Amino acid sequence: MKRAIIIHYWEGYPEYCWYPWVKENLEKKDFQVFIPEMPETGTPQLNKWLITTKKIVGQPDKNTYLIGHSLGNITILRYLESRQDNEKIGGAILVAGFTDDLGYKEISSFFKKPIDFKKIKNHCDKFITIHSDNDPHVALKYADIFKEKLGAKIIVKRNKGHFSDPIEDKKSCLELPDVVKTMVEIAK
């Protein structure tokens, strides 16, 4: 059976914004979906997030798909770096992903060493990156980095902010159909 695992963002939780909607809709497409609660989300540490990710994934295989949101993306990339040579997953969807600490010392443990994109690509062939043209935290340049380094397909949404809680007059992002649509496509 196909498994999808959603790794939430900094200060996130399993019932946050679009995660339950994506879970429900992927389950309708015959995926098992897991949304683990990451430890100490207010003061995230890479080693603790990796332990939780490894535990929930178990033995990765071609029917394992990972979905990250914001800080969840670097967790996925670090997870893939840590895999054995013969371990591959089916694909990954990176929502509002980035490749440096964005100036936040609170997440610096995720970026102490350079990202090994070559090793990551050895463990996953299919990457989709979804970004918003008005994300207040993550610039569109990161989509281009994922395209260049991972061969990711880029989807840019208009006015979706950080795909999270409301910012100013914007509504919360409670549904994210592109995640479901692209997951079904890459899982064929």
C-alpha atoms as a PDB file:
ATOM      1  CA  MET A   1       0.000   0.000   0.000  1.00  0.00           C
ATOM      2  CA  LYS A   2       1.136   3.551  -0.722  1.00  0.00           C
ATOM      3  CA  ARG A   3       2.053   5.565   2.363  1.00  0.00           C
ATOM      4  CA  ALA A   4       2.192   9.346   2.600  1.00  0.00           C
ATOM      5  CA  ILE A   5       3.807  11.024   5.591  1.00  0.00           C
ATOM      6  CA  ILE A   6       3.303  14.739   6.228  1.00  0.00           C
ATOM      7  CA  ILE A   7       6.067  16.470   8.189  1.00  0.00           C
ATOM      8  CA  HIS A   8       4.632  19.680   9.620  1.00  0.00           C
ATOM      9  CA  TYR A   9       6.218  23.063   9.958  1.00  0.00           C
ATOM     10  CA  TRP A  10       7.882  24.862  12.860  1.00  0.00           C
ATOM     11  CA  GLU A  11       5.284  25.220  15.641  1.00  0.00           C
ATOM     12  CA  GLY A  12       2.888  23.042  13.638  1.00  0.00           C
ATOM     13  CA  TYR A  13       0.829  20.028  14.691  1.00  0.00           C
ATOM     14  CA  PRO A  14      -1.085  17.233  12.914  1.00  0.00           C
ATOM     15  CA  GLU A  15      -4.442  19.046  12.779  1.00  0.00           C
ATOM     16  CA  TYR A  16      -2.937  22.282  11.437  1.00  0.00           C
ATOM     17  CA  CYS A  17      -4.333  24.084   8.371  1.00  0.00           C
ATOM     18  CA  TRP A  18      -4.326  21.927   5.213  1.00  0.00           C
ATOM     19  CA  TYR A  19      -2.884  18.716   6.717  1.00  0.00           C
ATOM     20  CA  PRO A  20      -6.223  17.080   7.699  1.00  0.00           C
ATOM     21  CA  TRP A  21      -7.761  17.958   4.332  1.00  0.00           C
ATOM     22  CA  VAL A  22      -4.828  16.437   2.435  1.00  0.00           C
ATOM     23  CA  LYS A  23      -4.921  13.350   4.688  1.00  0.00           C
ATOM     24  CA  GLU A  24      -8.634  12.808   4.091  1.00  0.00           C
ATOM     25  CA  ASN A  25      -8.338  13.256   0.340  1.00  0.00           C
ATOM     26  CA  LEU A  26      -5.266  11.033  -0.049  1.00  0.00           C
ATOM     27  CA  GLU A  27      -6.995   8.330   1.979  1.00  0.00           C
ATOM     28  CA  LYS A  28      -9.821   8.461  -0.586  1.00  0.00           C
ATOM     29  CA  LYS A  29      -7.121   7.661  -3.173  1.00  0.00           C
ATOM     30  CA  ASP A  30      -6.031   4.546  -1.213  1.00  0.00           C
ATOM     31  CA  PHE A  31      -3.024   6.035   0.580  1.00  0.00           C
ATOM     32  CA  GLN A  32      -2.262   5.374   4.231  1.00  0.00           C
ATOM     33  CA  VAL A  33      -1.486   8.830   5.596  1.00  0.00           C
ATOM     34  CA  PHE A  34       0.453   9.669   8.745  1.00  0.00           C
ATOM     35  CA  ILE A  35       1.026  13.080  10.298  1.00  0.00           C
ATOM     36  CA  PRO A  36       3.373  12.656  13.239  1.00  0.00           C
ATOM     37  CA  GLU A  37       3.600  15.337  15.880  1.00  0.00           C
ATOM     38  CA  MET A  38       7.190  16.469  15.833  1.00  0.00           C
ATOM     39  CA  PRO A  39       8.919  17.008  19.184  1.00  0.00           C
ATOM     40  CA  GLU A  40       9.368  20.412  20.772  1.00  0.00           C
ATOM     41  CA  THR A  41       7.934  22.278  17.807  1.00  0.00           C
ATOM     42  CA  GLY A  42       8.547  25.667  19.426  1.00  0.00           C
ATOM     43  CA  THR A  43      12.276  24.955  19.760  1.00  0.00           C
ATOM     44  CA  PRO A  44      12.907  22.382  17.013  1.00  0.00           C
ATOM     45  CA  GLN A  45      16.128  20.371  16.943  1.00  0.00           C
ATOM     46  CA  LEU A  46      17.154  18.411  13.869  1.00  0.00           C
ATOM     47  CA  ASN A  47      18.256  15.289  15.750  1.00  0.00           C
ATOM     48  CA  LYS A  48      14.866  14.940  17.493  1.00  0.00           C
ATOM     49  CA  TRP A  49      12.899  15.598  14.302  1.00  0.00           C
ATOM     50  CA  LEU A  50      15.013  13.025  12.442  1.00  0.00           C
ATOM     51  CA  ILE A  51      14.438  10.368  15.102  1.00  0.00           C
ATOM     52  CA  THR A  52      10.675  10.929  14.867  1.00  0.00           C
ATOM     53  CA  THR A  53      10.760  10.864  11.055  1.00  0.00           C
ATOM     54  CA  LYS A  54      12.786   7.643  10.973  1.00  0.00           C
ATOM     55  CA  LYS A  55      10.436   6.018  13.462  1.00  0.00           C
ATOM     56  CA  ILE A  56       7.259   6.916  11.552  1.00  0.00           C
ATOM     57  CA  VAL A  57       8.716   5.978   8.142  1.00  0.00           C
ATOM     58  CA  GLY A  58      10.134   2.665   9.307  1.00  0.00           C
ATOM     59  CA  GLN A  59      11.547   0.810   6.306  1.00  0.00           C
ATOM     60  CA  PRO A  60      11.372   3.184   3.321  1.00  0.00           C
ATOM     61  CA  ASP A  61      10.434   1.831  -0.098  1.00  0.00           C
ATOM     62  CA  LYS A  62       9.044   2.937  -3.479  1.00  0.00           C
ATOM     63  CA  ASN A  63       5.546   3.134  -1.940  1.00  0.00           C
ATOM     64  CA  THR A  64       6.709   5.686   0.648  1.00  0.00           C
ATOM     65  CA  TYR A  65       5.984   9.339  -0.149  1.00  0.00           C
ATOM     66  CA  LEU A  66       6.964  12.316   1.972  1.00  0.00           C
ATOM     67  CA  ILE A  67       5.236  15.698   2.143  1.00  0.00           C
ATOM     68  CA  GLY A  68       6.926  18.579   3.925  1.00  0.00           C
ATOM     69  CA  HIS A  69       5.734  22.009   4.932  1.00  0.00           C
ATOM     70  CA  SER A  70       8.336  24.714   5.606  1.00  0.00           C
ATOM     71  CA  LEU A  71      10.737  23.276   8.223  1.00  0.00           C
ATOM     72  CA  GLY A  72       9.331  19.841   7.445  1.00  0.00           C
ATOM     73  CA  ASN A  73      11.113  20.030   4.088  1.00  0.00           C
ATOM     74  CA  ILE A  74      14.640  20.282   5.447  1.00  0.00           C
ATOM     75  CA  THR A  75      13.708  17.457   7.808  1.00  0.00           C
ATOM     76  CA  ILE A  76      12.813  15.353   4.761  1.00  0.00           C
ATOM     77  CA  LEU A  77      16.031  16.313   2.972  1.00  0.00           C
ATOM     78  CA  ARG A  78      18.149  15.467   6.034  1.00  0.00           C
ATOM     79  CA  TYR A  79      16.222  12.205   6.394  1.00  0.00           C
ATOM     80  CA  LEU A  80      17.029  11.283   2.788  1.00  0.00           C
ATOM     81  CA  GLU A  81      20.705  12.152   3.341  1.00  0.00           C
ATOM     82  CA  SER A  82      20.790   9.661   6.217  1.00  0.00           C
ATOM     83  CA  ARG A  83      19.493   6.659   4.258  1.00  0.00           C
ATOM     84  CA  GLN A  84      21.482   3.596   3.247  1.00  0.00           C
ATOM     85  CA  ASP A  85      22.619   3.354  -0.384  1.00  0.00           C
ATOM     86  CA  ASN A  86      19.926   0.880  -1.427  1.00  0.00           C
ATOM     87  CA  GLU A  87      16.980   2.717   0.187  1.00  0.00           C
ATOM     88  CA  LYS A  88      14.670   4.767  -2.049  1.00  0.00           C
ATOM     89  CA  ILE A  89      11.302   6.405  -1.592  1.00  0.00           C
ATOM     90  CA  GLY A  90       8.685   6.986  -4.277  1.00  0.00           C
ATOM     91  CA  GLY A  91       8.678  10.781  -4.153  1.00  0.00           C
ATOM     92  CA  ALA A  92       8.540  13.972  -2.121  1.00  0.00           C
ATOM     93  CA  ILE A  93       6.422  17.114  -2.205  1.00  0.00           C
ATOM     94  CA  LEU A  94       8.057  20.177  -0.680  1.00  0.00           C
ATOM     95  CA  VAL A  95       5.629  22.974   0.289  1.00  0.00           C
ATOM     96  CA  ALA A  96       7.254  26.351   1.072  1.00  0.00           C
ATOM     97  CA  GLY A  97      10.692  24.778   1.326  1.00  0.00           C
ATOM     98  CA  PHE A  98      14.025  26.522   1.789  1.00  0.00           C
ATOM     99  CA  THR A  99      17.718  25.666   1.965  1.00  0.00           C
ATOM    100  CA  ASP A 100      19.100  27.893   4.750  1.00  0.00           C
ATOM    101  CA  ASP A 101      18.013  29.124   8.177  1.00  0.00           C
ATOM    102  CA  LEU A 102      16.320  32.276   6.788  1.00  0.00           C
ATOM    103  CA  GLY A 103      18.057  34.219   9.562  1.00  0.00           C
ATOM    104  CA  TYR A 104      16.298  32.338  12.394  1.00  0.00           C
ATOM    105  CA  LYS A 105      18.797  31.042  14.961  1.00  0.00           C
ATOM    106  CA  GLU A 106      16.029  28.821  16.393  1.00  0.00           C
ATOM    107  CA  ILE A 107      16.293  26.498  13.387  1.00  0.00           C
ATOM    108  CA  SER A 108      20.066  26.655  12.880  1.00  0.00           C
ATOM    109  CA  SER A 109      20.559  23.010  13.958  1.00  0.00           C
ATOM    110  CA  PHE A 110      18.942  21.963  10.648  1.00  0.00           C
ATOM    111  CA  PHE A 111      21.597  23.834   8.652  1.00  0.00           C
ATOM    112  CA  LYS A 112      24.903  23.156  10.433  1.00  0.00           C
ATOM    113  CA  LYS A 113      26.276  21.340   7.407  1.00  0.00           C
ATOM    114  CA  PRO A 114      25.715  21.882   3.702  1.00  0.00           C
ATOM    115  CA  ILE A 115      22.834  20.001   2.087  1.00  0.00           C
ATOM    116  CA  ASP A 116      24.095  17.003   0.081  1.00  0.00           C
ATOM    117  CA  PHE A 117      21.710  17.204  -2.869  1.00  0.00           C
ATOM    118  CA  LYS A 118      23.539  14.453  -4.772  1.00  0.00           C
ATOM    119  CA  LYS A 119      23.020  11.983  -1.939  1.00  0.00           C
ATOM    120  CA  ILE A 120      19.388  13.074  -1.552  1.00  0.00           C
ATOM    121  CA  LYS A 121      18.730  12.405  -5.253  1.00  0.00           C
ATOM    122  CA  ASN A 122      20.104   8.871  -4.811  1.00  0.00           C
ATOM    123  CA  HIS A 123      17.173   8.158  -2.491  1.00  0.00           C
ATOM    124  CA  CYS A 124      14.341   9.879  -4.364  1.00  0.00           C
ATOM    125  CA  ASP A 125      13.765  10.499  -8.073  1.00  0.00           C
ATOM    126  CA  LYS A 126      10.571  12.552  -7.967  1.00  0.00           C
ATOM    127  CA  PHE A 127      10.386  15.955  -6.317  1.00  0.00           C
ATOM    128  CA  ILE A 128       7.614  18.547  -6.555  1.00  0.00           C
ATOM    129  CA  THR A 129       8.029  21.955  -4.932  1.00  0.00           C
ATOM    130  CA  ILE A 130       5.044  24.193  -4.224  1.00  0.00           C
ATOM    131  CA  HIS A 131       5.630  27.862  -3.420  1.00  0.00           C
ATOM    132  CA  SER A 132       3.530  31.001  -3.142  1.00  0.00           C
ATOM    133  CA  ASP A 133       4.307  34.239  -4.935  1.00  0.00           C
ATOM    134  CA  ASN A 134       3.644  36.215  -1.735  1.00  0.00           C
ATOM    135  CA  ASP A 135       5.197  34.019   0.966  1.00  0.00           C
ATOM    136  CA  PRO A 136       6.411  36.430   3.665  1.00  0.00           C
ATOM    137  CA  HIS A 137       9.110  33.997   4.826  1.00  0.00           C
ATOM    138  CA  VAL A 138      10.290  31.961   1.836  1.00  0.00           C
ATOM    139  CA  ALA A 139      11.400  33.619  -1.398  1.00  0.00           C
ATOM    140  CA  LEU A 140      10.677  32.048  -4.787  1.00  0.00           C
ATOM    141  CA  LYS A 141      14.419  31.614  -5.346  1.00  0.00           C
ATOM    142  CA  TYR A 142      14.208  28.423  -3.259  1.00  0.00           C
ATOM    143  CA  ALA A 143      11.923  26.823  -5.849  1.00  0.00           C
ATOM    144  CA  ASP A 144      14.644  27.464  -8.431  1.00  0.00           C
ATOM    145  CA  ILE A 145      17.257  25.909  -6.142  1.00  0.00           C
ATOM    146  CA  PHE A 146      15.139  22.745  -5.775  1.00  0.00           C
ATOM    147  CA  LYS A 147      14.641  22.632  -9.539  1.00  0.00           C
ATOM    148  CA  GLU A 148      18.372  22.997 -10.196  1.00  0.00           C
ATOM    149  CA  LYS A 149      19.643  20.690  -7.433  1.00  0.00           C
ATOM    150  CA  LEU A 150      16.891  18.039  -7.332  1.00  0.00           C
ATOM    151  CA  GLY A 151      15.220  18.312 -10.722  1.00  0.00           C
ATOM    152  CA  ALA A 152      12.012  19.294  -8.915  1.00  0.00           C
ATOM    153  CA  LYS A 153       8.893  20.270 -10.796  1.00  0.00           C
ATOM    154  CA  ILE A 154       7.867  23.764  -9.642  1.00  0.00           C
ATOM    155  CA  ILE A 155       4.310  24.853  -8.862  1.00  0.00           C
ATOM    156  CA  VAL A 156       3.831  28.515  -7.926  1.00  0.00           C
ATOM    157  CA  LYS A 157       0.508  29.506  -6.384  1.00  0.00           C
ATOM    158  CA  ARG A 158      -0.811  33.052  -6.235  1.00  0.00           C
ATOM    159  CA  ASN A 159      -1.476  34.743  -2.907  1.00  0.00           C
ATOM    160  CA  LYS A 160      -1.193  31.657  -0.667  1.00  0.00           C
ATOM    161  CA  GLY A 161       1.287  33.209   1.774  1.00  0.00           C
ATOM    162  CA  HIS A 162       3.140  30.522   3.710  1.00  0.00           C
ATOM    163  CA  PHE A 163       0.297  27.992   3.233  1.00  0.00           C
ATOM    164  CA  SER A 164      -0.519  28.455   6.907  1.00  0.00           C
ATOM    165  CA  ASP A 165      -2.515  30.583   9.364  1.00  0.00           C
ATOM    166  CA  PRO A 166      -3.919  33.937   8.339  1.00  0.00           C
ATOM    167  CA  ILE A 167      -1.524  36.783   7.752  1.00  0.00           C
ATOM    168  CA  GLU A 168      -3.080  40.222   7.895  1.00  0.00           C
ATOM    169  CA  ASP A 169      -6.364  39.906   5.950  1.00  0.00           C
ATOM    170  CA  LYS A 170      -5.572  36.575   4.318  1.00  0.00           C
ATOM    171  CA  LYS A 171      -7.509  33.425   5.196  1.00  0.00           C
ATOM    172  CA  SER A 172      -5.962  30.255   6.570  1.00  0.00           C
ATOM    173  CA  CYS A 173      -4.889  27.705   3.984  1.00  0.00           C
ATOM    174  CA  LEU A 174      -7.259  24.862   4.853  1.00  0.00           C
ATOM    175  CA  GLU A 175      -7.069  22.968   1.555  1.00  0.00           C
ATOM    176  CA  LEU A 176      -4.170  22.323  -0.775  1.00  0.00           C
ATOM    177  CA  PRO A 177      -5.440  20.402  -3.819  1.00  0.00           C
ATOM    178  CA  ASP A 178      -2.064  20.598  -5.589  1.00  0.00           C
ATOM    179  CA  VAL A 179      -0.561  18.282  -2.976  1.00  0.00           C
ATOM    180  CA  VAL A 180      -3.212  15.622  -3.566  1.00  0.00           C
ATOM    181  CA  LYS A 181      -3.135  15.989  -7.356  1.00  0.00           C
ATOM    182  CA  THR A 182       0.652  15.820  -7.658  1.00  0.00           C
ATOM    183  CA  MET A 183       0.912  12.992  -5.128  1.00  0.00           C
ATOM    184  CA  VAL A 184      -1.476  10.874  -7.184  1.00  0.00           C
ATOM    185  CA  GLU A 185       0.528  11.735 -10.327  1.00  0.00           C
ATOM    186  CA  ILE A 186       3.946  10.806  -8.932  1.00  0.00           C
ATOM    187  CA  ALA A 187       2.607   7.636  -7.292  1.00  0.00           C
ATOM    188  CA  LYS A 188       1.440   6.106 -10.603  1.00  0.00           C
END
